[in-house]
Full PDB file with SEQRES, HELIX, SHEET, SSBOND, CRYST1, ORIGX, SCALE, CONECT and MASTER records, all heavy atoms in Angstrom:
SEQRES   1 A   41  SER GLU ASP GLY THR ILE GLU PRO TRP SER GLY ALA THR          
SEQRES   2 A   41  GLY ILE PHE ILE THR PRO GLY TYR ARG PHE ARG THR ALA          
SEQRES   3 A   41  ASP MET LEU ILE THR ASN PHE HIS LEU PRO LYS SER THR          
SEQRES   4 A   41  LEU PHE                                                      
CRYST1    1.000    1.000    1.000  90.00  90.00  90.00 P 1           1          
ORIGX1      1.000000  0.000000  0.000000        0.00000                         
ORIGX2      0.000000  1.000000  0.000000        0.00000                         
ORIGX3      0.000000  0.000000  1.000000        0.00000                         
SCALE1      1.000000  0.000000  0.000000        0.00000                         
SCALE2      0.000000  1.000000  0.000000        0.00000                         
SCALE3      0.000000  0.000000  1.000000        0.00000                         
ATOM      1  N   SER A   1       0.849  -1.185   0.000  1.00  0.00           N  
ATOM      2  CA  SER A   1       0.000   0.000   0.000  1.00  0.00           C  
ATOM      3  C   SER A   1       0.887   1.237   0.000  1.00  0.00           C  
ATOM      4  O   SER A   1       2.109   1.150   0.089  1.00  0.00           O  
ATOM      5  CB  SER A   1      -0.916  -0.006   1.226  1.00  0.00           C  
ATOM      6  OG  SER A   1      -0.143  -0.018   2.411  1.00  0.00           O  
ATOM      7  N   GLU A   2       0.283   2.407  -0.091  1.00  0.00           N  
ATOM      8  CA  GLU A   2       1.042   3.647  -0.186  1.00  0.00           C  
ATOM      9  C   GLU A   2       1.950   3.880   1.021  1.00  0.00           C  
ATOM     10  O   GLU A   2       3.028   4.453   0.901  1.00  0.00           O  
ATOM     11  CB  GLU A   2       0.100   4.836  -0.353  1.00  0.00           C  
ATOM     12  CG  GLU A   2      -0.421   5.009  -1.773  1.00  0.00           C  
ATOM     13  CD  GLU A   2       0.698   5.240  -2.782  1.00  0.00           C  
ATOM     14  OE1 GLU A   2       1.616   6.026  -2.482  1.00  0.00           O  
ATOM     15  OE2 GLU A   2       0.660   4.615  -3.852  1.00  0.00           O  
ATOM     16  N   ASP A   3       1.521   3.408   2.201  1.00  0.00           N  
ATOM     17  CA  ASP A   3       2.333   3.626   3.398  1.00  0.00           C  
ATOM     18  C   ASP A   3       3.388   2.541   3.590  1.00  0.00           C  
ATOM     19  O   ASP A   3       4.092   2.533   4.601  1.00  0.00           O  
ATOM     20  CB  ASP A   3       1.445   3.742   4.637  1.00  0.00           C  
ATOM     21  CG  ASP A   3       0.719   2.435   4.968  1.00  0.00           C  
ATOM     22  OD1 ASP A   3       0.875   1.438   4.217  1.00  0.00           O  
ATOM     23  OD2 ASP A   3      -0.011   2.414   5.980  1.00  0.00           O  
ATOM     24  N   GLY A   4       3.492   1.614   2.627  1.00  0.00           N  
ATOM     25  CA  GLY A   4       4.510   0.582   2.702  1.00  0.00           C  
ATOM     26  C   GLY A   4       4.049  -0.714   3.340  1.00  0.00           C  
ATOM     27  O   GLY A   4       4.817  -1.685   3.395  1.00  0.00           O  
ATOM     28  N   THR A   5       2.827  -0.760   3.826  1.00  0.00           N  
ATOM     29  CA  THR A   5       2.299  -2.006   4.391  1.00  0.00           C  
ATOM     30  C   THR A   5       2.135  -3.041   3.288  1.00  0.00           C  
ATOM     31  O   THR A   5       1.563  -2.753   2.227  1.00  0.00           O  
ATOM     32  CB  THR A   5       0.944  -1.767   5.075  1.00  0.00           C  
ATOM     33  OG1 THR A   5       1.102  -0.787   6.107  1.00  0.00           O  
ATOM     34  CG2 THR A   5       0.397  -3.055   5.672  1.00  0.00           C  
ATOM     35  N   ILE A   6       2.647  -4.233   3.513  1.00  0.00           N  
ATOM     36  CA  ILE A   6       2.549  -5.310   2.525  1.00  0.00           C  
ATOM     37  C   ILE A   6       1.258  -6.072   2.772  1.00  0.00           C  
ATOM     38  O   ILE A   6       0.992  -6.543   3.887  1.00  0.00           O  
ATOM     39  CB  ILE A   6       3.771  -6.239   2.603  1.00  0.00           C  
ATOM     40  CG1 ILE A   6       5.055  -5.443   2.320  1.00  0.00           C  
ATOM     41  CG2 ILE A   6       3.635  -7.400   1.623  1.00  0.00           C  
ATOM     42  CD1 ILE A   6       6.332  -6.195   2.621  1.00  0.00           C  
ATOM     43  N   GLU A   7       0.445  -6.177   1.744  1.00  0.00           N  
ATOM     44  CA  GLU A   7      -0.856  -6.828   1.847  1.00  0.00           C  
ATOM     45  C   GLU A   7      -0.809  -8.215   1.202  1.00  0.00           C  
ATOM     46  O   GLU A   7      -0.018  -8.448   0.276  1.00  0.00           O  
ATOM     47  CB  GLU A   7      -1.927  -5.986   1.140  1.00  0.00           C  
ATOM     48  CG  GLU A   7      -2.002  -4.536   1.590  1.00  0.00           C  
ATOM     49  CD  GLU A   7      -2.662  -4.371   2.936  1.00  0.00           C  
ATOM     50  OE1 GLU A   7      -3.180  -5.375   3.473  1.00  0.00           O  
ATOM     51  OE2 GLU A   7      -2.664  -3.242   3.457  1.00  0.00           O  
ATOM     52  N   PRO A   8      -1.656  -9.156   1.660  1.00  0.00           N  
ATOM     53  CA  PRO A   8      -1.816 -10.404   0.903  1.00  0.00           C  
ATOM     54  C   PRO A   8      -2.272 -10.047  -0.506  1.00  0.00           C  
ATOM     55  O   PRO A   8      -3.105  -9.149  -0.684  1.00  0.00           O  
ATOM     56  CB  PRO A   8      -2.901 -11.147   1.683  1.00  0.00           C  
ATOM     57  CG  PRO A   8      -2.881 -10.539   3.048  1.00  0.00           C  
ATOM     58  CD  PRO A   8      -2.501  -9.106   2.866  1.00  0.00           C  
ATOM     59  N   TRP A   9      -1.748 -10.753  -1.488  1.00  0.00           N  
ATOM     60  CA  TRP A   9      -1.986 -10.311  -2.870  1.00  0.00           C  
ATOM     61  C   TRP A   9      -1.886 -11.492  -3.823  1.00  0.00           C  
ATOM     62  O   TRP A   9      -1.083 -12.416  -3.630  1.00  0.00           O  
ATOM     63  CB  TRP A   9      -0.935  -9.252  -3.236  1.00  0.00           C  
ATOM     64  CG  TRP A   9      -1.152  -8.528  -4.528  1.00  0.00           C  
ATOM     65  CD1 TRP A   9      -1.834  -7.375  -4.708  1.00  0.00           C  
ATOM     66  CD2 TRP A   9      -0.664  -8.907  -5.823  1.00  0.00           C  
ATOM     67  NE1 TRP A   9      -1.815  -7.008  -6.036  1.00  0.00           N  
ATOM     68  CE2 TRP A   9      -1.102  -7.935  -6.742  1.00  0.00           C  
ATOM     69  CE3 TRP A   9       0.094  -9.987  -6.294  1.00  0.00           C  
ATOM     70  CZ2 TRP A   9      -0.809  -8.002  -8.111  1.00  0.00           C  
ATOM     71  CZ3 TRP A   9       0.388 -10.072  -7.644  1.00  0.00           C  
ATOM     72  CH2 TRP A   9      -0.055  -9.077  -8.541  1.00  0.00           C  
ATOM     73  N   SER A  10      -2.691 -11.470  -4.869  1.00  0.00           N  
ATOM     74  CA  SER A  10      -2.558 -12.440  -5.949  1.00  0.00           C  
ATOM     75  C   SER A  10      -3.097 -11.816  -7.230  1.00  0.00           C  
ATOM     76  O   SER A  10      -3.991 -10.967  -7.190  1.00  0.00           O  
ATOM     77  CB  SER A  10      -3.313 -13.737  -5.645  1.00  0.00           C  
ATOM     78  OG  SER A  10      -4.708 -13.502  -5.572  1.00  0.00           O  
ATOM     79  N   GLY A  11      -2.519 -12.223  -8.348  1.00  0.00           N  
ATOM     80  CA  GLY A  11      -2.963 -11.693  -9.628  1.00  0.00           C  
ATOM     81  C   GLY A  11      -1.811 -11.526 -10.585  1.00  0.00           C  
ATOM     82  O   GLY A  11      -0.740 -12.118 -10.413  1.00  0.00           O  
ATOM     83  N   ALA A  12      -2.038 -10.715 -11.613  1.00  0.00           N  
ATOM     84  CA  ALA A  12      -1.017 -10.453 -12.629  1.00  0.00           C  
ATOM     85  C   ALA A  12      -0.448  -9.057 -12.409  1.00  0.00           C  
ATOM     86  O   ALA A  12      -1.188  -8.105 -12.174  1.00  0.00           O  
ATOM     87  CB  ALA A  12      -1.621 -10.558 -14.022  1.00  0.00           C  
ATOM     88  N   THR A  13       0.872  -8.966 -12.467  1.00  0.00           N  
ATOM     89  CA  THR A  13       1.515  -7.669 -12.334  1.00  0.00           C  
ATOM     90  C   THR A  13       2.348  -7.360 -13.570  1.00  0.00           C  
ATOM     91  O   THR A  13       3.039  -8.235 -14.105  1.00  0.00           O  
ATOM     92  CB  THR A  13       2.415  -7.591 -11.078  1.00  0.00           C  
ATOM     93  OG1 THR A  13       3.037  -6.294 -11.034  1.00  0.00           O  
ATOM     94  CG2 THR A  13       3.495  -8.661 -11.085  1.00  0.00           C  
ATOM     95  N   GLY A  14       2.262  -6.114 -13.997  1.00  0.00           N  
ATOM     96  CA  GLY A  14       3.100  -5.639 -15.086  1.00  0.00           C  
ATOM     97  C   GLY A  14       3.854  -4.408 -14.631  1.00  0.00           C  
ATOM     98  O   GLY A  14       4.166  -3.545 -15.449  1.00  0.00           O  
ATOM     99  N   ILE A  15       4.171  -4.354 -13.340  1.00  0.00           N  
ATOM    100  CA  ILE A  15       4.833  -3.180 -12.776  1.00  0.00           C  
ATOM    101  C   ILE A  15       6.168  -2.935 -13.473  1.00  0.00           C  
ATOM    102  O   ILE A  15       6.953  -3.848 -13.685  1.00  0.00           O  
ATOM    103  CB  ILE A  15       5.016  -3.343 -11.250  1.00  0.00           C  
ATOM    104  CG1 ILE A  15       5.522  -2.046 -10.631  1.00  0.00           C  
ATOM    105  CG2 ILE A  15       5.919  -4.512 -10.912  1.00  0.00           C  
ATOM    106  CD1 ILE A  15       5.512  -2.058  -9.103  1.00  0.00           C  
ATOM    107  N   PHE A  16       6.397  -1.697 -13.852  1.00  0.00           N  
ATOM    108  CA  PHE A  16       7.600  -1.286 -14.590  1.00  0.00           C  
ATOM    109  C   PHE A  16       8.280  -0.206 -13.759  1.00  0.00           C  
ATOM    110  O   PHE A  16       7.746   0.895 -13.608  1.00  0.00           O  
ATOM    111  CB  PHE A  16       7.198  -0.771 -15.975  1.00  0.00           C  
ATOM    112  CG  PHE A  16       8.349  -0.337 -16.853  1.00  0.00           C  
ATOM    113  CD1 PHE A  16       9.618  -0.878 -16.701  1.00  0.00           C  
ATOM    114  CD2 PHE A  16       8.148   0.610 -17.845  1.00  0.00           C  
ATOM    115  CE1 PHE A  16      10.663  -0.477 -17.512  1.00  0.00           C  
ATOM    116  CE2 PHE A  16       9.187   1.016 -18.669  1.00  0.00           C  
ATOM    117  CZ  PHE A  16      10.455   0.472 -18.497  1.00  0.00           C  
ATOM    118  N   ILE A  17       9.438  -0.524 -13.216  1.00  0.00           N  
ATOM    119  CA  ILE A  17      10.117   0.357 -12.275  1.00  0.00           C  
ATOM    120  C   ILE A  17      11.309   1.019 -12.943  1.00  0.00           C  
ATOM    121  O   ILE A  17      12.221   0.339 -13.432  1.00  0.00           O  
ATOM    122  CB  ILE A  17      10.551  -0.429 -11.028  1.00  0.00           C  
ATOM    123  CG1 ILE A  17       9.315  -0.962 -10.292  1.00  0.00           C  
ATOM    124  CG2 ILE A  17      11.394   0.455 -10.105  1.00  0.00           C  
ATOM    125  CD1 ILE A  17       9.638  -1.854  -9.110  1.00  0.00           C  
ATOM    126  N   THR A  18      11.308   2.333 -12.957  1.00  0.00           N  
ATOM    127  CA  THR A  18      12.388   3.119 -13.552  1.00  0.00           C  
ATOM    128  C   THR A  18      12.813   4.206 -12.570  1.00  0.00           C  
ATOM    129  O   THR A  18      12.127   4.460 -11.572  1.00  0.00           O  
ATOM    130  CB  THR A  18      11.936   3.766 -14.878  1.00  0.00           C  
ATOM    131  OG1 THR A  18      10.795   4.608 -14.625  1.00  0.00           O  
ATOM    132  CG2 THR A  18      11.547   2.708 -15.907  1.00  0.00           C  
ATOM    133  N   PRO A  19      13.971   4.849 -12.793  1.00  0.00           N  
ATOM    134  CA  PRO A  19      14.415   5.904 -11.880  1.00  0.00           C  
ATOM    135  C   PRO A  19      13.334   6.948 -11.631  1.00  0.00           C  
ATOM    136  O   PRO A  19      12.623   7.363 -12.546  1.00  0.00           O  
ATOM    137  CB  PRO A  19      15.622   6.495 -12.607  1.00  0.00           C  
ATOM    138  CG  PRO A  19      16.201   5.318 -13.341  1.00  0.00           C  
ATOM    139  CD  PRO A  19      14.994   4.556 -13.824  1.00  0.00           C  
ATOM    140  N   GLY A  20      13.209   7.332 -10.366  1.00  0.00           N  
ATOM    141  CA  GLY A  20      12.149   8.228  -9.933  1.00  0.00           C  
ATOM    142  C   GLY A  20      11.074   7.509  -9.148  1.00  0.00           C  
ATOM    143  O   GLY A  20      10.274   8.138  -8.447  1.00  0.00           O  
ATOM    144  N   TYR A  21      11.064   6.173  -9.242  1.00  0.00           N  
ATOM    145  CA  TYR A  21      10.092   5.377  -8.492  1.00  0.00           C  
ATOM    146  C   TYR A  21      10.426   5.422  -7.001  1.00  0.00           C  
ATOM    147  O   TYR A  21      11.596   5.349  -6.609  1.00  0.00           O  
ATOM    148  CB  TYR A  21      10.131   3.935  -8.997  1.00  0.00           C  
ATOM    149  CG  TYR A  21       9.153   3.006  -8.309  1.00  0.00           C  
ATOM    150  CD1 TYR A  21       7.858   2.870  -8.769  1.00  0.00           C  
ATOM    151  CD2 TYR A  21       9.546   2.268  -7.193  1.00  0.00           C  
ATOM    152  CE1 TYR A  21       6.957   2.016  -8.138  1.00  0.00           C  
ATOM    153  CE2 TYR A  21       8.663   1.414  -6.551  1.00  0.00           C  
ATOM    154  CZ  TYR A  21       7.364   1.293  -7.030  1.00  0.00           C  
ATOM    155  OH  TYR A  21       6.478   0.454  -6.396  1.00  0.00           O  
ATOM    156  N   ARG A  22       9.417   5.518  -6.160  1.00  0.00           N  
ATOM    157  CA  ARG A  22       9.612   5.510  -4.704  1.00  0.00           C  
ATOM    158  C   ARG A  22       9.343   4.116  -4.156  1.00  0.00           C  
ATOM    159  O   ARG A  22       8.213   3.649  -4.166  1.00  0.00           O  
ATOM    160  CB  ARG A  22       8.681   6.530  -4.034  1.00  0.00           C  
ATOM    161  CG  ARG A  22       8.869   6.615  -2.512  1.00  0.00           C  
ATOM    162  CD  ARG A  22       7.947   7.655  -1.914  1.00  0.00           C  
ATOM    163  NE  ARG A  22       6.541   7.279  -2.048  1.00  0.00           N  
ATOM    164  CZ  ARG A  22       5.890   6.481  -1.188  1.00  0.00           C  
ATOM    165  NH1 ARG A  22       6.527   5.956  -0.153  1.00  0.00           N  
ATOM    166  NH2 ARG A  22       4.612   6.217  -1.383  1.00  0.00           N  
ATOM    167  N   PHE A  23      10.392   3.451  -3.710  1.00  0.00           N  
ATOM    168  CA  PHE A  23      10.249   2.089  -3.175  1.00  0.00           C  
ATOM    169  C   PHE A  23       9.612   2.127  -1.794  1.00  0.00           C  
ATOM    170  O   PHE A  23       9.930   2.989  -0.966  1.00  0.00           O  
ATOM    171  CB  PHE A  23      11.615   1.399  -3.118  1.00  0.00           C  
ATOM    172  CG  PHE A  23      12.148   1.032  -4.469  1.00  0.00           C  
ATOM    173  CD1 PHE A  23      12.953   1.929  -5.175  1.00  0.00           C  
ATOM    174  CD2 PHE A  23      11.841  -0.179  -5.054  1.00  0.00           C  
ATOM    175  CE1 PHE A  23      13.441   1.608  -6.427  1.00  0.00           C  
ATOM    176  CE2 PHE A  23      12.323  -0.505  -6.316  1.00  0.00           C  
ATOM    177  CZ  PHE A  23      13.123   0.391  -7.006  1.00  0.00           C  
ATOM    178  N   ARG A  24       8.748   1.143  -1.532  1.00  0.00           N  
ATOM    179  CA  ARG A  24       7.996   1.123  -0.278  1.00  0.00           C  
ATOM    180  C   ARG A  24       8.325  -0.075   0.602  1.00  0.00           C  
ATOM    181  O   ARG A  24       7.858  -0.149   1.741  1.00  0.00           O  
ATOM    182  CB  ARG A  24       6.495   1.127  -0.590  1.00  0.00           C  
ATOM    183  CG  ARG A  24       6.021   2.396  -1.280  1.00  0.00           C  
ATOM    184  CD  ARG A  24       4.632   2.247  -1.855  1.00  0.00           C  
ATOM    185  NE  ARG A  24       4.620   1.336  -3.008  1.00  0.00           N  
ATOM    186  CZ  ARG A  24       3.530   1.020  -3.695  1.00  0.00           C  
ATOM    187  NH1 ARG A  24       2.368   1.530  -3.351  1.00  0.00           N  
ATOM    188  NH2 ARG A  24       3.609   0.208  -4.729  1.00  0.00           N  
ATOM    189  N   THR A  25       9.086  -1.036   0.088  1.00  0.00           N  
ATOM    190  CA  THR A  25       9.243  -2.286   0.826  1.00  0.00           C  
ATOM    191  C   THR A  25      10.707  -2.615   1.135  1.00  0.00           C  
ATOM    192  O   THR A  25      11.121  -2.541   2.285  1.00  0.00           O  
ATOM    193  CB  THR A  25       8.610  -3.455   0.043  1.00  0.00           C  
ATOM    194  OG1 THR A  25       9.203  -3.549  -1.264  1.00  0.00           O  
ATOM    195  CG2 THR A  25       7.104  -3.246  -0.111  1.00  0.00           C  
ATOM    196  N   ALA A  26      11.502  -2.962   0.145  1.00  0.00           N  
ATOM    197  CA  ALA A  26      12.832  -3.517   0.382  1.00  0.00           C  
ATOM    198  C   ALA A  26      13.854  -2.456   0.754  1.00  0.00           C  
ATOM    199  O   ALA A  26      13.840  -1.334   0.235  1.00  0.00           O  
ATOM    200  CB  ALA A  26      13.310  -4.281  -0.847  1.00  0.00           C  
ATOM    201  N   ASP A  27      14.760  -2.846   1.643  1.00  0.00           N  
ATOM    202  CA  ASP A  27      15.898  -2.003   2.011  1.00  0.00           C  
ATOM    203  C   ASP A  27      17.146  -2.382   1.219  1.00  0.00           C  
ATOM    204  O   ASP A  27      18.018  -1.549   0.990  1.00  0.00           O  
ATOM    205  CB  ASP A  27      16.198  -2.155   3.503  1.00  0.00           C  
ATOM    206  CG  ASP A  27      14.997  -1.790   4.359  1.00  0.00           C  
ATOM    207  OD1 ASP A  27      14.722  -0.592   4.494  1.00  0.00           O  
ATOM    208  OD2 ASP A  27      14.337  -2.714   4.883  1.00  0.00           O  
ATOM    209  N   MET A  28      17.226  -3.643   0.813  1.00  0.00           N  
ATOM    210  CA  MET A  28      18.379  -4.149   0.079  1.00  0.00           C  
ATOM    211  C   MET A  28      17.893  -5.123  -0.989  1.00  0.00           C  
ATOM    212  O   MET A  28      16.799  -5.682  -0.891  1.00  0.00           O  
ATOM    213  CB  MET A  28      19.367  -4.836   1.028  1.00  0.00           C  
ATOM    214  CG  MET A  28      19.892  -3.917   2.124  1.00  0.00           C  
ATOM    215  SD  MET A  28      20.582  -4.830   3.534  1.00  0.00           S  
ATOM    216  CE  MET A  28      22.071  -5.475   2.784  1.00  0.00           C  
ATOM    217  N   LEU A  29      18.732  -5.327  -1.996  1.00  0.00           N  
ATOM    218  CA  LEU A  29      18.383  -6.191  -3.117  1.00  0.00           C  
ATOM    219  C   LEU A  29      19.608  -7.004  -3.525  1.00  0.00           C  
ATOM    220  O   LEU A  29      20.674  -6.446  -3.764  1.00  0.00           O  
ATOM    221  CB  LEU A  29      17.897  -5.352  -4.302  1.00  0.00           C  
ATOM    222  CG  LEU A  29      17.682  -6.072  -5.644  1.00  0.00           C  
ATOM    223  CD1 LEU A  29      16.557  -7.094  -5.538  1.00  0.00           C  
ATOM    224  CD2 LEU A  29      17.388  -5.059  -6.753  1.00  0.00           C  
ATOM    225  N   ILE A  30      19.429  -8.318  -3.585  1.00  0.00           N  
ATOM    226  CA  ILE A  30      20.458  -9.199  -4.134  1.00  0.00           C  
ATOM    227  C   ILE A  30      20.031  -9.562  -5.546  1.00  0.00           C  
ATOM    228  O   ILE A  30      18.923 -10.071  -5.753  1.00  0.00           O  
ATOM    229  CB  ILE A  30      20.612 -10.477  -3.286  1.00  0.00           C  
ATOM    230  CG1 ILE A  30      21.021 -10.124  -1.847  1.00  0.00           C  
ATOM    231  CG2 ILE A  30      21.653 -11.417  -3.908  1.00  0.00           C  
ATOM    232  CD1 ILE A  30      20.968 -11.310  -0.887  1.00  0.00           C  
ATOM    233  N   THR A  31      20.883  -9.290  -6.517  1.00  0.00           N  
ATOM    234  CA  THR A  31      20.500  -9.532  -7.909  1.00  0.00           C  
ATOM    235  C   THR A  31      21.739  -9.765  -8.757  1.00  0.00           C  
ATOM    236  O   THR A  31      22.840  -9.331  -8.405  1.00  0.00           O  
ATOM    237  CB  THR A  31      19.684  -8.339  -8.453  1.00  0.00           C  
ATOM    238  OG1 THR A  31      19.233  -8.612  -9.775  1.00  0.00           O  
ATOM    239  CG2 THR A  31      20.512  -7.056  -8.463  1.00  0.00           C  
ATOM    240  N   ASN A  32      21.553 -10.486  -9.853  1.00  0.00           N  
ATOM    241  CA  ASN A  32      22.650 -10.707 -10.789  1.00  0.00           C  
ATOM    242  C   ASN A  32      22.870  -9.453 -11.644  1.00  0.00           C  
ATOM    243  O   ASN A  32      22.179  -8.452 -11.485  1.00  0.00           O  
ATOM    244  CB  ASN A  32      22.354 -11.912 -11.671  1.00  0.00           C  
ATOM    245  CG  ASN A  32      22.556 -13.227 -10.935  1.00  0.00           C  
ATOM    246  OD1 ASN A  32      22.617 -13.261  -9.713  1.00  0.00           O  
ATOM    247  ND2 ASN A  32      22.661 -14.318 -11.681  1.00  0.00           N  
ATOM    248  N   PHE A  33      23.811  -9.526 -12.565  1.00  0.00           N  
ATOM    249  CA  PHE A  33      24.096  -8.400 -13.463  1.00  0.00           C  
ATOM    250  C   PHE A  33      23.259  -8.547 -14.726  1.00  0.00           C  
ATOM    251  O   PHE A  33      23.210  -9.625 -15.325  1.00  0.00           O  
ATOM    252  CB  PHE A  33      25.588  -8.359 -13.790  1.00  0.00           C  
ATOM    253  CG  PHE A  33      26.437  -8.018 -12.596  1.00  0.00           C  
ATOM    254  CD1 PHE A  33      26.978  -9.015 -11.803  1.00  0.00           C  
ATOM    255  CD2 PHE A  33      26.662  -6.695 -12.246  1.00  0.00           C  
ATOM    256  CE1 PHE A  33      27.740  -8.712 -10.680  1.00  0.00           C  
ATOM    257  CE2 PHE A  33      27.424  -6.374 -11.127  1.00  0.00           C  
ATOM    258  CZ  PHE A  33      27.960  -7.387 -10.344  1.00  0.00           C  
ATOM    259  N   HIS A  34      22.634  -7.456 -15.145  1.00  0.00           N  
ATOM    260  CA  HIS A  34      21.614  -7.511 -16.182  1.00  0.00           C  
ATOM    261  C   HIS A  34      22.078  -6.938 -17.522  1.00  0.00           C  
ATOM    262  O   HIS A  34      23.111  -6.280 -17.612  1.00  0.00           O  
ATOM    263  CB  HIS A  34      20.372  -6.758 -15.693  1.00  0.00           C  
ATOM    264  CG  HIS A  34      19.861  -7.273 -14.387  1.00  0.00           C  
ATOM    265  ND1 HIS A  34      19.341  -8.535 -14.250  1.00  0.00           N  
ATOM    266  CD2 HIS A  34      19.834  -6.702 -13.146  1.00  0.00           C  
ATOM    267  CE1 HIS A  34      18.988  -8.729 -12.989  1.00  0.00           C  
ATOM    268  NE2 HIS A  34      19.286  -7.636 -12.288  1.00  0.00           N  
ATOM    269  N   LEU A  35      21.262  -7.183 -18.543  1.00  0.00           N  
ATOM    270  CA  LEU A  35      21.582  -6.743 -19.890  1.00  0.00           C  
ATOM    271  C   LEU A  35      21.492  -5.229 -20.024  1.00  0.00           C  
ATOM    272  O   LEU A  35      20.675  -4.592 -19.359  1.00  0.00           O  
ATOM    273  CB  LEU A  35      20.626  -7.373 -20.912  1.00  0.00           C  
ATOM    274  CG  LEU A  35      20.851  -8.822 -21.324  1.00  0.00           C  
ATOM    275  CD1 LEU A  35      20.401  -9.779 -20.240  1.00  0.00           C  
ATOM    276  CD2 LEU A  35      20.103  -9.121 -22.629  1.00  0.00           C  
ATOM    277  N   PRO A  36      22.303  -4.648 -20.923  1.00  0.00           N  
ATOM    278  CA  PRO A  36      22.164  -3.218 -21.201  1.00  0.00           C  
ATOM    279  C   PRO A  36      20.797  -2.911 -21.801  1.00  0.00           C  
ATOM    280  O   PRO A  36      20.219  -3.721 -22.518  1.00  0.00           O  
ATOM    281  CB  PRO A  36      23.290  -2.945 -22.199  1.00  0.00           C  
ATOM    282  CG  PRO A  36      23.646  -4.273 -22.784  1.00  0.00           C  
ATOM    283  CD  PRO A  36      23.383  -5.274 -21.715  1.00  0.00           C  
ATOM    284  N   LYS A  37      20.260  -1.747 -21.461  1.00  0.00           N  
ATOM    285  CA  LYS A  37      18.968  -1.257 -21.956  1.00  0.00           C  
ATOM    286  C   LYS A  37      17.804  -2.186 -21.607  1.00  0.00           C  
ATOM    287  O   LYS A  37      16.766  -2.158 -22.274  1.00  0.00           O  
ATOM    288  CB  LYS A  37      19.020  -1.005 -23.468  1.00  0.00           C  
ATOM    289  CG  LYS A  37      19.990   0.095 -23.855  1.00  0.00           C  
ATOM    290  CD  LYS A  37      19.766   0.618 -25.266  1.00  0.00           C  
ATOM    291  CE  LYS A  37      20.081  -0.384 -26.333  1.00  0.00           C  
ATOM    292  NZ  LYS A  37      20.001   0.200 -27.701  1.00  0.00           N  
ATOM    293  N   SER A  38      17.976  -3.015 -20.580  1.00  0.00           N  
ATOM    294  CA  SER A  38      16.911  -3.930 -20.166  1.00  0.00           C  
ATOM    295  C   SER A  38      16.075  -3.302 -19.058  1.00  0.00           C  
ATOM    296  O   SER A  38      16.520  -2.398 -18.338  1.00  0.00           O  
ATOM    297  CB  SER A  38      17.507  -5.251 -19.667  1.00  0.00           C  
ATOM    298  OG  SER A  38      18.268  -5.041 -18.485  1.00  0.00           O  
ATOM    299  N   THR A  39      14.849  -3.798 -18.892  1.00  0.00           N  
ATOM    300  CA  THR A  39      13.989  -3.294 -17.828  1.00  0.00           C  
ATOM    301  C   THR A  39      14.582  -3.597 -16.455  1.00  0.00           C  
ATOM    302  O   THR A  39      14.321  -2.865 -15.490  1.00  0.00           O  
ATOM    303  CB  THR A  39      12.581  -3.900 -17.929  1.00  0.00           C  
ATOM    304  OG1 THR A  39      12.664  -5.328 -17.815  1.00  0.00           O  
ATOM    305  CG2 THR A  39      11.921  -3.525 -19.246  1.00  0.00           C  
ATOM    306  N   LEU A  40      15.386  -4.642 -16.347  1.00  0.00           N  
ATOM    307  CA  LEU A  40      15.978  -4.991 -15.063  1.00  0.00           C  
ATOM    308  C   LEU A  40      17.128  -4.055 -14.698  1.00  0.00           C  
ATOM    309  O   LEU A  40      17.316  -3.726 -13.523  1.00  0.00           O  
ATOM    310  CB  LEU A  40      16.435  -6.451 -15.068  1.00  0.00           C  
ATOM    311  CG  LEU A  40      15.314  -7.468 -15.302  1.00  0.00           C  
ATOM    312  CD1 LEU A  40      15.842  -8.884 -15.215  1.00  0.00           C  
ATOM    313  CD2 LEU A  40      14.176  -7.263 -14.299  1.00  0.00           C  
ATOM    314  N   PHE A  41      17.904  -3.623 -15.695  1.00  0.00           N  
ATOM    315  CA  PHE A  41      18.935  -2.627 -15.387  1.00  0.00           C  
ATOM    316  C   PHE A  41      18.282  -1.301 -15.016  1.00  0.00           C  
ATOM    317  O   PHE A  41      18.795  -0.554 -14.182  1.00  0.00           O  
ATOM    318  CB  PHE A  41      19.892  -2.454 -16.562  1.00  0.00           C  
ATOM    319  CG  PHE A  41      21.035  -1.519 -16.266  1.00  0.00           C  
ATOM    320  CD1 PHE A  41      21.922  -1.786 -15.237  1.00  0.00           C  
ATOM    321  CD2 PHE A  41      21.209  -0.347 -16.988  1.00  0.00           C  
ATOM    322  CE1 PHE A  41      22.962  -0.914 -14.936  1.00  0.00           C  
ATOM    323  CE2 PHE A  41      22.240   0.529 -16.700  1.00  0.00           C  
ATOM    324  CZ  PHE A  41      23.121   0.245 -15.664  1.00  0.00           C  
TER     325      PHE A  41                                                      
MASTER        0    0    0    0    0    0    0    6  324    1    0    4          
END                                                                             
């Protein structure tokens, strides 16, 4: 939710996160190295 509370959830997500997005949940992220110009980078 907007205040960062994590709710039970199910469904389809197409969330697209780019610079300027305000994260509400995670403090740290473990991830591999991604492709150039990819949505993950």
